[in-house]
Amino acid sequence: MENSKKFQQTFYEWAMAIQNGDWHSAEAFLAADVIVNRSSMTAHAYVQKLQKDKFETARLDLCIFDDSSADIAARYTFPSSPEPLNQGEEWTEQTLFTIVGDRISVIETLADTNNCPDLGSDEEFKVSLRAGKTESPDLRKFYTEYIDSINALTMREHFDEFCQDMVTHNYLKYGRDEYREMIESSFKEISGLHFTIERLIVNEKDQQIAARLGFTGVPTKEFRGIAPTGNGAVFSEHAFYQLEQGRIKQVWSLLDLASYRASIAS
């Protein structure tokens, strides 16, 4: 517990330094060489990237601290995309951090346009959600069984064990069956689709889960507007979950479609 508080303090002090535009202090919270999306980067180079992306304008919407490790998941919303094609659009980043010693050392991030119709109502929803959640046992086991059910295509029989009657997925509300059918549709578009849990962060007290999921399969139909090429796909997702009374109530998800396109093109 003491280590957990230390990691939280390190992360929040780093986030505050960035928000204040104190880039020198922000760099001091990083390892000399940081692994960013599986490539090495000096701390100074990473801070320069944050400056270029105007990270000081980011709003920290959600933060999940793992119960038993130095892993942290964070969801940021930015008022304007740094990418030329999406400038002026609000965008979202979902990032996984690992602290080694007292320095942020490993960072995995995905970002995309934030398709939120009404941010105010989403904030109200999250407040009411926090008030209604209760703890459930062993979220790691819960999530592993949830993914196993998806891979085995036994969702129809078991999804009521994992999901509330209504699930909000990236601001859109679905009935449980609609949410299940949305997931099942991916198996019709990608032959042999398989989910692998690559990283898992859980907070039992707050009933929150963050996962980095890896996907493999061979697309046979258009997927997210991308036509199949006959080649296999390898890509990832960062999925964050809020549970209520032991079942999934809200999901924030970002897919790595850049990796998807690259893999099917090769």
C-alpha atoms as a PDB file:
ATOM      1  CA  MET A   1       0.000   0.000   0.000  1.00  0.00           C
ATOM      2  CA  GLU A   2       2.863   2.370   0.857  1.00  0.00           C
ATOM      3  CA  ASN A   3       4.477   1.786  -2.544  1.00  0.00           C
ATOM      4  CA  SER A   4       1.125   2.386  -4.249  1.00  0.00           C
ATOM      5  CA  LYS A   5       0.820   5.802  -2.593  1.00  0.00           C
ATOM      6  CA  LYS A   6       4.386   6.598  -3.634  1.00  0.00           C
ATOM      7  CA  PHE A   7       3.649   5.718  -7.266  1.00  0.00           C
ATOM      8  CA  GLN A   8       0.474   7.803  -7.200  1.00  0.00           C
ATOM      9  CA  GLN A   9       2.375  10.777  -5.810  1.00  0.00           C
ATOM     10  CA  THR A  10       5.093  10.431  -8.465  1.00  0.00           C
ATOM     11  CA  PHE A  11       2.545  10.276 -11.267  1.00  0.00           C
ATOM     12  CA  TYR A  12       0.426  13.187 -10.042  1.00  0.00           C
ATOM     13  CA  GLU A  13       3.470  15.394  -9.438  1.00  0.00           C
ATOM     14  CA  TRP A  14       4.674  14.609 -12.970  1.00  0.00           C
ATOM     15  CA  ALA A  15       1.215  15.393 -14.374  1.00  0.00           C
ATOM     16  CA  MET A  16       1.095  18.661 -12.429  1.00  0.00           C
ATOM     17  CA  ALA A  17       4.517  19.714 -13.726  1.00  0.00           C
ATOM     18  CA  ILE A  18       3.299  19.157 -17.293  1.00  0.00           C
ATOM     19  CA  GLN A  19       0.057  21.040 -16.665  1.00  0.00           C
ATOM     20  CA  ASN A  20       2.079  23.976 -15.324  1.00  0.00           C
ATOM     21  CA  GLY A  21       4.406  23.896 -18.324  1.00  0.00           C
ATOM     22  CA  ASP A  22       7.358  23.120 -16.038  1.00  0.00           C
ATOM     23  CA  TRP A  23       9.127  20.886 -18.545  1.00  0.00           C
ATOM     24  CA  HIS A  24      12.415  20.764 -16.649  1.00  0.00           C
ATOM     25  CA  SER A  25      10.684  19.320 -13.577  1.00  0.00           C
ATOM     26  CA  ALA A  26       8.609  16.969 -15.739  1.00  0.00           C
ATOM     27  CA  GLU A  27      11.785  15.544 -17.278  1.00  0.00           C
ATOM     28  CA  ALA A  28      13.161  14.802 -13.793  1.00  0.00           C
ATOM     29  CA  PHE A  29      10.337  12.284 -13.206  1.00  0.00           C
ATOM     30  CA  LEU A  30      11.430  10.213 -16.232  1.00  0.00           C
ATOM     31  CA  ALA A  31      14.118   7.558 -16.561  1.00  0.00           C
ATOM     32  CA  ALA A  32      17.152   8.718 -18.563  1.00  0.00           C
ATOM     33  CA  ASP A  33      15.965   6.481 -21.402  1.00  0.00           C
ATOM     34  CA  VAL A  34      12.235   5.838 -21.682  1.00  0.00           C
ATOM     35  CA  ILE A  35      10.657   2.978 -23.627  1.00  0.00           C
ATOM     36  CA  VAL A  36       7.867   4.676 -25.599  1.00  0.00           C
ATOM     37  CA  ASN A  37       5.692   2.354 -27.674  1.00  0.00           C
ATOM     38  CA  ARG A  38       8.473  -0.260 -27.485  1.00  0.00           C
ATOM     39  CA  SER A  39      11.197   2.070 -28.789  1.00  0.00           C
ATOM     40  CA  SER A  40      13.863   3.772 -26.686  1.00  0.00           C
ATOM     41  CA  MET A  41      13.792   7.546 -26.326  1.00  0.00           C
ATOM     42  CA  THR A  42      15.788   9.914 -24.137  1.00  0.00           C
ATOM     43  CA  ALA A  43      13.806  11.657 -21.435  1.00  0.00           C
ATOM     44  CA  HIS A  44      14.594  15.005 -23.050  1.00  0.00           C
ATOM     45  CA  ALA A  45      13.360  13.868 -26.465  1.00  0.00           C
ATOM     46  CA  TYR A  46      10.130  12.572 -24.934  1.00  0.00           C
ATOM     47  CA  VAL A  47       9.509  15.846 -23.111  1.00  0.00           C
ATOM     48  CA  GLN A  48      10.093  17.716 -26.366  1.00  0.00           C
ATOM     49  CA  LYS A  49       7.444  15.514 -27.979  1.00  0.00           C
ATOM     50  CA  LEU A  50       5.011  16.342 -25.161  1.00  0.00           C
ATOM     51  CA  GLN A  51       5.677  20.038 -25.725  1.00  0.00           C
ATOM     52  CA  LYS A  52       5.087  19.671 -29.468  1.00  0.00           C
ATOM     53  CA  ASP A  53       1.790  17.874 -28.772  1.00  0.00           C
ATOM     54  CA  LYS A  54       0.792  20.663 -26.327  1.00  0.00           C
ATOM     55  CA  PHE A  55       0.374  18.125 -23.555  1.00  0.00           C
ATOM     56  CA  GLU A  56      -0.056  20.932 -21.014  1.00  0.00           C
ATOM     57  CA  THR A  57      -3.548  21.451 -22.478  1.00  0.00           C
ATOM     58  CA  ALA A  58      -4.588  17.856 -21.770  1.00  0.00           C
ATOM     59  CA  ARG A  59      -7.359  17.066 -19.313  1.00  0.00           C
ATOM     60  CA  LEU A  60      -6.756  13.927 -17.217  1.00  0.00           C
ATOM     61  CA  ASP A  61     -10.191  12.267 -17.368  1.00  0.00           C
ATOM     62  CA  LEU A  62      -9.392   8.922 -15.773  1.00  0.00           C
ATOM     63  CA  CYS A  63      -6.492   7.397 -13.853  1.00  0.00           C
ATOM     64  CA  ILE A  64      -6.242   3.742 -12.766  1.00  0.00           C
ATOM     65  CA  PHE A  65      -3.497   2.656 -10.344  1.00  0.00           C
ATOM     66  CA  ASP A  66      -2.802  -1.072 -10.226  1.00  0.00           C
ATOM     67  CA  ASP A  67      -3.262  -2.747  -6.844  1.00  0.00           C
ATOM     68  CA  SER A  68      -0.114  -4.859  -6.957  1.00  0.00           C
ATOM     69  CA  SER A  69       2.367  -3.234  -9.348  1.00  0.00           C
ATOM     70  CA  ALA A  70       3.806   0.093 -10.476  1.00  0.00           C
ATOM     71  CA  ASP A  71       1.544   0.169 -13.545  1.00  0.00           C
ATOM     72  CA  ILE A  72      -0.777   3.099 -14.211  1.00  0.00           C
ATOM     73  CA  ALA A  73      -3.421   3.719 -16.880  1.00  0.00           C
ATOM     74  CA  ALA A  74      -4.472   7.238 -17.815  1.00  0.00           C
ATOM     75  CA  ARG A  75      -7.003   8.688 -20.226  1.00  0.00           C
ATOM     76  CA  TYR A  76      -6.413  12.227 -21.524  1.00  0.00           C
ATOM     77  CA  THR A  77      -8.612  14.500 -23.596  1.00  0.00           C
ATOM     78  CA  PHE A  78      -7.048  17.286 -25.659  1.00  0.00           C
ATOM     79  CA  PRO A  79      -8.849  20.338 -27.070  1.00  0.00           C
ATOM     80  CA  SER A  80      -7.139  20.087 -30.477  1.00  0.00           C
ATOM     81  CA  SER A  81      -5.383  17.331 -32.410  1.00  0.00           C
ATOM     82  CA  PRO A  82      -1.677  17.861 -33.242  1.00  0.00           C
ATOM     83  CA  GLU A  83      -2.143  16.021 -36.535  1.00  0.00           C
ATOM     84  CA  PRO A  84      -2.657  18.271 -39.602  1.00  0.00           C
ATOM     85  CA  LEU A  85      -5.662  16.297 -40.886  1.00  0.00           C
ATOM     86  CA  ASN A  86      -7.512  16.560 -37.585  1.00  0.00           C
ATOM     87  CA  GLN A  87      -6.547  20.008 -36.350  1.00  0.00           C
ATOM     88  CA  GLY A  88      -9.357  21.667 -34.447  1.00  0.00           C
ATOM     89  CA  GLU A  89     -10.879  18.332 -33.396  1.00  0.00           C
ATOM     90  CA  GLU A  90     -10.837  17.205 -29.778  1.00  0.00           C
ATOM     91  CA  TRP A  91      -8.783  14.044 -29.408  1.00  0.00           C
ATOM     92  CA  THR A  92      -8.171  11.371 -26.797  1.00  0.00           C
ATOM     93  CA  GLU A  93      -5.122   9.456 -25.655  1.00  0.00           C
ATOM     94  CA  GLN A  94      -5.142   6.284 -23.529  1.00  0.00           C
ATOM     95  CA  THR A  95      -1.747   5.511 -22.059  1.00  0.00           C
ATOM     96  CA  LEU A  96      -0.177   2.813 -19.893  1.00  0.00           C
ATOM     97  CA  PHE A  97       2.783   3.776 -17.689  1.00  0.00           C
ATOM     98  CA  THR A  98       5.243   1.733 -15.635  1.00  0.00           C
ATOM     99  CA  ILE A  99       7.324   3.274 -12.863  1.00  0.00           C
ATOM    100  CA  VAL A 100      10.682   1.640 -12.123  1.00  0.00           C
ATOM    101  CA  GLY A 101      12.238   2.836  -8.884  1.00  0.00           C
ATOM    102  CA  ASP A 102      10.886   6.363  -8.715  1.00  0.00           C
ATOM    103  CA  ARG A 103      10.988   7.157 -12.439  1.00  0.00           C
ATOM    104  CA  ILE A 104       8.448   6.699 -15.234  1.00  0.00           C
ATOM    105  CA  SER A 105      10.239   4.217 -17.483  1.00  0.00           C
ATOM    106  CA  VAL A 106       7.788   2.501 -19.855  1.00  0.00           C
ATOM    107  CA  ILE A 107       4.986   4.230 -21.791  1.00  0.00           C
ATOM    108  CA  GLU A 108       2.506   2.696 -24.246  1.00  0.00           C
ATOM    109  CA  THR A 109       0.026   5.044 -25.832  1.00  0.00           C
ATOM    110  CA  LEU A 110      -2.793   5.095 -28.386  1.00  0.00           C
ATOM    111  CA  ALA A 111      -4.596   8.221 -29.578  1.00  0.00           C
ATOM    112  CA  ASP A 112      -7.540   9.094 -31.814  1.00  0.00           C
ATOM    113  CA  THR A 113     -10.231  11.676 -32.422  1.00  0.00           C
ATOM    114  CA  ASN A 114     -12.584  12.007 -29.458  1.00  0.00           C
ATOM    115  CA  ASN A 115     -16.093  11.371 -30.798  1.00  0.00           C
ATOM    116  CA  CYS A 116     -17.998  12.733 -27.836  1.00  0.00           C
ATOM    117  CA  PRO A 117     -21.441  14.227 -28.565  1.00  0.00           C
ATOM    118  CA  ASP A 118     -21.850  15.868 -25.169  1.00  0.00           C
ATOM    119  CA  LEU A 119     -18.903  15.859 -22.779  1.00  0.00           C
ATOM    120  CA  GLY A 120     -20.900  17.445 -19.987  1.00  0.00           C
ATOM    121  CA  SER A 121     -23.389  14.602 -19.824  1.00  0.00           C
ATOM    122  CA  ASP A 122     -20.509  12.092 -19.829  1.00  0.00           C
ATOM    123  CA  GLU A 123     -18.964  13.795 -16.802  1.00  0.00           C
ATOM    124  CA  GLU A 124     -22.294  13.609 -14.976  1.00  0.00           C
ATOM    125  CA  PHE A 125     -22.568   9.931 -15.865  1.00  0.00           C
ATOM    126  CA  LYS A 126     -19.125   9.180 -14.428  1.00  0.00           C
ATOM    127  CA  VAL A 127     -19.968  10.962 -11.171  1.00  0.00           C
ATOM    128  CA  SER A 128     -23.148   8.904 -10.727  1.00  0.00           C
ATOM    129  CA  LEU A 129     -21.210   5.767 -11.665  1.00  0.00           C
ATOM    130  CA  ARG A 130     -18.624   6.311  -8.960  1.00  0.00           C
ATOM    131  CA  ALA A 131     -21.373   6.711  -6.386  1.00  0.00           C
ATOM    132  CA  GLY A 132     -23.019   3.386  -7.258  1.00  0.00           C
ATOM    133  CA  LYS A 133     -20.148   0.929  -7.608  1.00  0.00           C
ATOM    134  CA  THR A 134     -19.468  -1.858  -5.127  1.00  0.00           C
ATOM    135  CA  GLU A 135     -16.499  -4.176  -4.926  1.00  0.00           C
ATOM    136  CA  SER A 136     -16.403  -7.628  -6.518  1.00  0.00           C
ATOM    137  CA  PRO A 137     -13.780 -10.338  -5.944  1.00  0.00           C
ATOM    138  CA  ASP A 138     -10.661 -10.839  -8.075  1.00  0.00           C
ATOM    139  CA  LEU A 139     -10.928  -8.525 -11.065  1.00  0.00           C
ATOM    140  CA  ARG A 140      -7.972 -10.213 -12.787  1.00  0.00           C
ATOM    141  CA  LYS A 141      -9.850 -13.511 -12.820  1.00  0.00           C
ATOM    142  CA  PHE A 142     -13.039 -11.707 -13.851  1.00  0.00           C
ATOM    143  CA  TYR A 143     -11.381 -10.041 -16.839  1.00  0.00           C
ATOM    144  CA  THR A 144      -9.535 -13.164 -17.951  1.00  0.00           C
ATOM    145  CA  GLU A 145     -12.821 -15.087 -17.972  1.00  0.00           C
ATOM    146  CA  TYR A 146     -14.488 -12.210 -19.856  1.00  0.00           C
ATOM    147  CA  ILE A 147     -11.869 -12.368 -22.629  1.00  0.00           C
ATOM    148  CA  ASP A 148     -11.983 -16.187 -22.636  1.00  0.00           C
ATOM    149  CA  SER A 149     -15.738 -15.972 -23.243  1.00  0.00           C
ATOM    150  CA  ILE A 150     -15.169 -13.637 -26.188  1.00  0.00           C
ATOM    151  CA  ASN A 151     -12.509 -15.890 -27.734  1.00  0.00           C
ATOM    152  CA  ALA A 152     -14.675 -18.992 -27.271  1.00  0.00           C
ATOM    153  CA  LEU A 153     -17.710 -17.194 -28.740  1.00  0.00           C
ATOM    154  CA  THR A 154     -19.761 -18.154 -25.675  1.00  0.00           C
ATOM    155  CA  MET A 155     -20.771 -14.558 -25.012  1.00  0.00           C
ATOM    156  CA  ARG A 156     -24.472 -15.200 -25.538  1.00  0.00           C
ATOM    157  CA  GLU A 157     -24.505 -17.657 -22.623  1.00  0.00           C
ATOM    158  CA  HIS A 158     -22.285 -15.687 -20.238  1.00  0.00           C
ATOM    159  CA  PHE A 159     -22.408 -11.942 -20.959  1.00  0.00           C
ATOM    160  CA  ASP A 160     -24.986 -11.289 -18.250  1.00  0.00           C
ATOM    161  CA  GLU A 161     -22.281 -12.367 -15.766  1.00  0.00           C
ATOM    162  CA  PHE A 162     -19.889  -9.722 -17.076  1.00  0.00           C
ATOM    163  CA  CYS A 163     -21.982  -6.742 -18.211  1.00  0.00           C
ATOM    164  CA  GLN A 164     -24.753  -4.557 -16.842  1.00  0.00           C
ATOM    165  CA  ASP A 165     -28.044  -4.352 -18.750  1.00  0.00           C
ATOM    166  CA  MET A 166     -26.767  -1.130 -20.359  1.00  0.00           C
ATOM    167  CA  VAL A 167     -23.127  -0.542 -21.331  1.00  0.00           C
ATOM    168  CA  THR A 168     -21.692   2.793 -22.487  1.00  0.00           C
ATOM    169  CA  HIS A 169     -18.925   2.270 -25.057  1.00  0.00           C
ATOM    170  CA  ASN A 170     -17.067   5.428 -26.087  1.00  0.00           C
ATOM    171  CA  TYR A 171     -20.074   7.631 -25.234  1.00  0.00           C
ATOM    172  CA  LEU A 172     -22.653   5.450 -26.998  1.00  0.00           C
ATOM    173  CA  LYS A 173     -25.097   3.467 -24.884  1.00  0.00           C
ATOM    174  CA  TYR A 174     -25.877  -0.130 -25.835  1.00  0.00           C
ATOM    175  CA  GLY A 175     -28.144  -2.770 -24.397  1.00  0.00           C
ATOM    176  CA  ARG A 176     -26.122  -5.771 -23.250  1.00  0.00           C
ATOM    177  CA  ASP A 177     -27.128  -7.808 -26.321  1.00  0.00           C
ATOM    178  CA  GLU A 178     -26.283  -4.901 -28.640  1.00  0.00           C
ATOM    179  CA  TYR A 179     -22.857  -4.582 -27.009  1.00  0.00           C
ATOM    180  CA  ARG A 180     -22.284  -8.334 -27.406  1.00  0.00           C
ATOM    181  CA  GLU A 181     -23.340  -8.214 -31.059  1.00  0.00           C
ATOM    182  CA  MET A 182     -20.935  -5.338 -31.706  1.00  0.00           C
ATOM    183  CA  ILE A 183     -18.053  -7.497 -30.433  1.00  0.00           C
ATOM    184  CA  GLU A 184     -19.297 -10.574 -32.306  1.00  0.00           C
ATOM    185  CA  SER A 185     -19.402  -8.608 -35.571  1.00  0.00           C
ATOM    186  CA  SER A 186     -15.595  -8.328 -35.491  1.00  0.00           C
ATOM    187  CA  PHE A 187     -15.359 -12.132 -35.734  1.00  0.00           C
ATOM    188  CA  LYS A 188     -17.407 -11.974 -38.937  1.00  0.00           C
ATOM    189  CA  GLU A 189     -15.054  -9.358 -40.380  1.00  0.00           C
ATOM    190  CA  ILE A 190     -11.769 -10.960 -39.247  1.00  0.00           C
ATOM    191  CA  SER A 191     -11.431 -14.729 -39.687  1.00  0.00           C
ATOM    192  CA  GLY A 192      -9.766 -16.484 -36.758  1.00  0.00           C
ATOM    193  CA  LEU A 193      -9.814 -13.326 -34.649  1.00  0.00           C
ATOM    194  CA  HIS A 194      -8.118 -13.925 -31.302  1.00  0.00           C
ATOM    195  CA  PHE A 195      -7.838 -11.634 -28.267  1.00  0.00           C
ATOM    196  CA  THR A 196      -4.693 -11.750 -26.101  1.00  0.00           C
ATOM    197  CA  ILE A 197      -4.311  -9.835 -22.831  1.00  0.00           C
ATOM    198  CA  GLU A 198      -0.876  -8.218 -23.138  1.00  0.00           C
ATOM    199  CA  ARG A 199      -1.094  -5.984 -20.068  1.00  0.00           C
ATOM    200  CA  LEU A 200      -3.653  -5.810 -17.285  1.00  0.00           C
ATOM    201  CA  ILE A 201      -4.122  -3.125 -14.640  1.00  0.00           C
ATOM    202  CA  VAL A 202      -6.809  -3.514 -11.975  1.00  0.00           C
ATOM    203  CA  ASN A 203      -7.998  -1.435  -9.049  1.00  0.00           C
ATOM    204  CA  GLU A 204     -10.372  -3.432  -6.867  1.00  0.00           C
ATOM    205  CA  LYS A 205     -11.446  -0.519  -4.658  1.00  0.00           C
ATOM    206  CA  ASP A 206     -12.459   1.737  -7.545  1.00  0.00           C
ATOM    207  CA  GLN A 207     -13.707  -1.231  -9.619  1.00  0.00           C
ATOM    208  CA  GLN A 208     -11.644  -0.228 -12.628  1.00  0.00           C
ATOM    209  CA  ILE A 209      -9.721  -2.265 -15.203  1.00  0.00           C
ATOM    210  CA  ALA A 210      -7.304  -1.221 -17.941  1.00  0.00           C
ATOM    211  CA  ALA A 211      -6.005  -3.636 -20.554  1.00  0.00           C
ATOM    212  CA  ARG A 212      -3.771  -3.642 -23.568  1.00  0.00           C
ATOM    213  CA  LEU A 213      -5.229  -6.256 -25.884  1.00  0.00           C
ATOM    214  CA  GLY A 214      -3.440  -7.796 -28.849  1.00  0.00           C
ATOM    215  CA  PHE A 215      -5.409  -9.063 -31.863  1.00  0.00           C
ATOM    216  CA  THR A 216      -4.527 -11.459 -34.662  1.00  0.00           C
ATOM    217  CA  GLY A 217      -6.586 -12.811 -37.557  1.00  0.00           C
ATOM    218  CA  VAL A 218      -7.154 -12.538 -41.297  1.00  0.00           C
ATOM    219  CA  PRO A 219      -9.635  -9.843 -42.386  1.00  0.00           C
ATOM    220  CA  THR A 220     -12.200 -11.105 -44.893  1.00  0.00           C
ATOM    221  CA  LYS A 221     -14.515  -8.086 -44.869  1.00  0.00           C
ATOM    222  CA  GLU A 222     -14.167  -4.352 -44.412  1.00  0.00           C
ATOM    223  CA  PHE A 223     -13.148  -3.555 -40.827  1.00  0.00           C
ATOM    224  CA  ARG A 224     -13.525  -0.004 -39.509  1.00  0.00           C
ATOM    225  CA  GLY A 225     -13.746   1.227 -43.079  1.00  0.00           C
ATOM    226  CA  ILE A 226     -10.559  -0.595 -44.157  1.00  0.00           C
ATOM    227  CA  ALA A 227     -10.835  -3.132 -46.998  1.00  0.00           C
ATOM    228  CA  PRO A 228      -9.171  -6.555 -46.596  1.00  0.00           C
ATOM    229  CA  THR A 229      -6.054  -7.398 -48.605  1.00  0.00           C
ATOM    230  CA  GLY A 230      -5.802 -11.136 -47.951  1.00  0.00           C
ATOM    231  CA  ASN A 231      -2.976 -10.578 -45.454  1.00  0.00           C
ATOM    232  CA  GLY A 232      -3.182 -11.253 -41.735  1.00  0.00           C
ATOM    233  CA  ALA A 233      -3.689  -8.433 -39.238  1.00  0.00           C
ATOM    234  CA  VAL A 234      -1.792  -7.733 -36.034  1.00  0.00           C
ATOM    235  CA  PHE A 235      -2.963  -4.779 -33.952  1.00  0.00           C
ATOM    236  CA  SER A 236      -3.800  -3.625 -30.436  1.00  0.00           C
ATOM    237  CA  GLU A 237      -6.426  -1.925 -28.314  1.00  0.00           C
ATOM    238  CA  HIS A 238      -6.285   0.012 -25.079  1.00  0.00           C
ATOM    239  CA  ALA A 239      -9.538  -0.674 -23.239  1.00  0.00           C
ATOM    240  CA  PHE A 240     -10.458   0.911 -19.902  1.00  0.00           C
ATOM    241  CA  TYR A 241     -13.464  -0.296 -17.911  1.00  0.00           C
ATOM    242  CA  GLN A 242     -15.614   0.968 -15.058  1.00  0.00           C
ATOM    243  CA  LEU A 243     -17.581  -1.713 -13.235  1.00  0.00           C
ATOM    244  CA  GLU A 244     -20.718  -1.251 -11.181  1.00  0.00           C
ATOM    245  CA  GLN A 245     -21.784  -3.942  -8.716  1.00  0.00           C
ATOM    246  CA  GLY A 246     -19.192  -6.299 -10.190  1.00  0.00           C
ATOM    247  CA  ARG A 247     -20.175  -5.946 -13.858  1.00  0.00           C
ATOM    248  CA  ILE A 248     -18.969  -3.752 -16.719  1.00  0.00           C
ATOM    249  CA  LYS A 249     -20.881  -0.489 -16.980  1.00  0.00           C
ATOM    250  CA  GLN A 250     -18.646   1.745 -19.115  1.00  0.00           C
ATOM    251  CA  VAL A 251     -15.857   1.111 -21.630  1.00  0.00           C
ATOM    252  CA  TRP A 252     -13.354   3.556 -23.112  1.00  0.00           C
ATOM    253  CA  SER A 253     -11.617   1.984 -26.111  1.00  0.00           C
ATOM    254  CA  LEU A 254      -8.979   3.012 -28.654  1.00  0.00           C
ATOM    255  CA  LEU A 255      -7.846   0.734 -31.508  1.00  0.00           C
ATOM    256  CA  ASP A 256      -4.413   0.905 -33.132  1.00  0.00           C
ATOM    257  CA  LEU A 257      -5.709   1.132 -36.685  1.00  0.00           C
ATOM    258  CA  ALA A 258      -2.348   2.408 -37.960  1.00  0.00           C
ATOM    259  CA  SER A 259      -0.794  -0.950 -37.035  1.00  0.00           C
ATOM    260  CA  TYR A 260      -3.806  -2.726 -38.528  1.00  0.00           C
ATOM    261  CA  ARG A 261      -3.307  -0.977 -41.881  1.00  0.00           C
ATOM    262  CA  ALA A 262       0.449  -1.582 -41.842  1.00  0.00           C
ATOM    263  CA  SER A 263       0.109  -5.281 -41.043  1.00  0.00           C
ATOM    264  CA  ILE A 264      -2.411  -6.067 -43.783  1.00  0.00           C
ATOM    265  CA  ALA A 265      -0.376  -4.081 -46.319  1.00  0.00           C
ATOM    266  CA  SER A 266       2.811  -6.095 -45.750  1.00  0.00           C
END
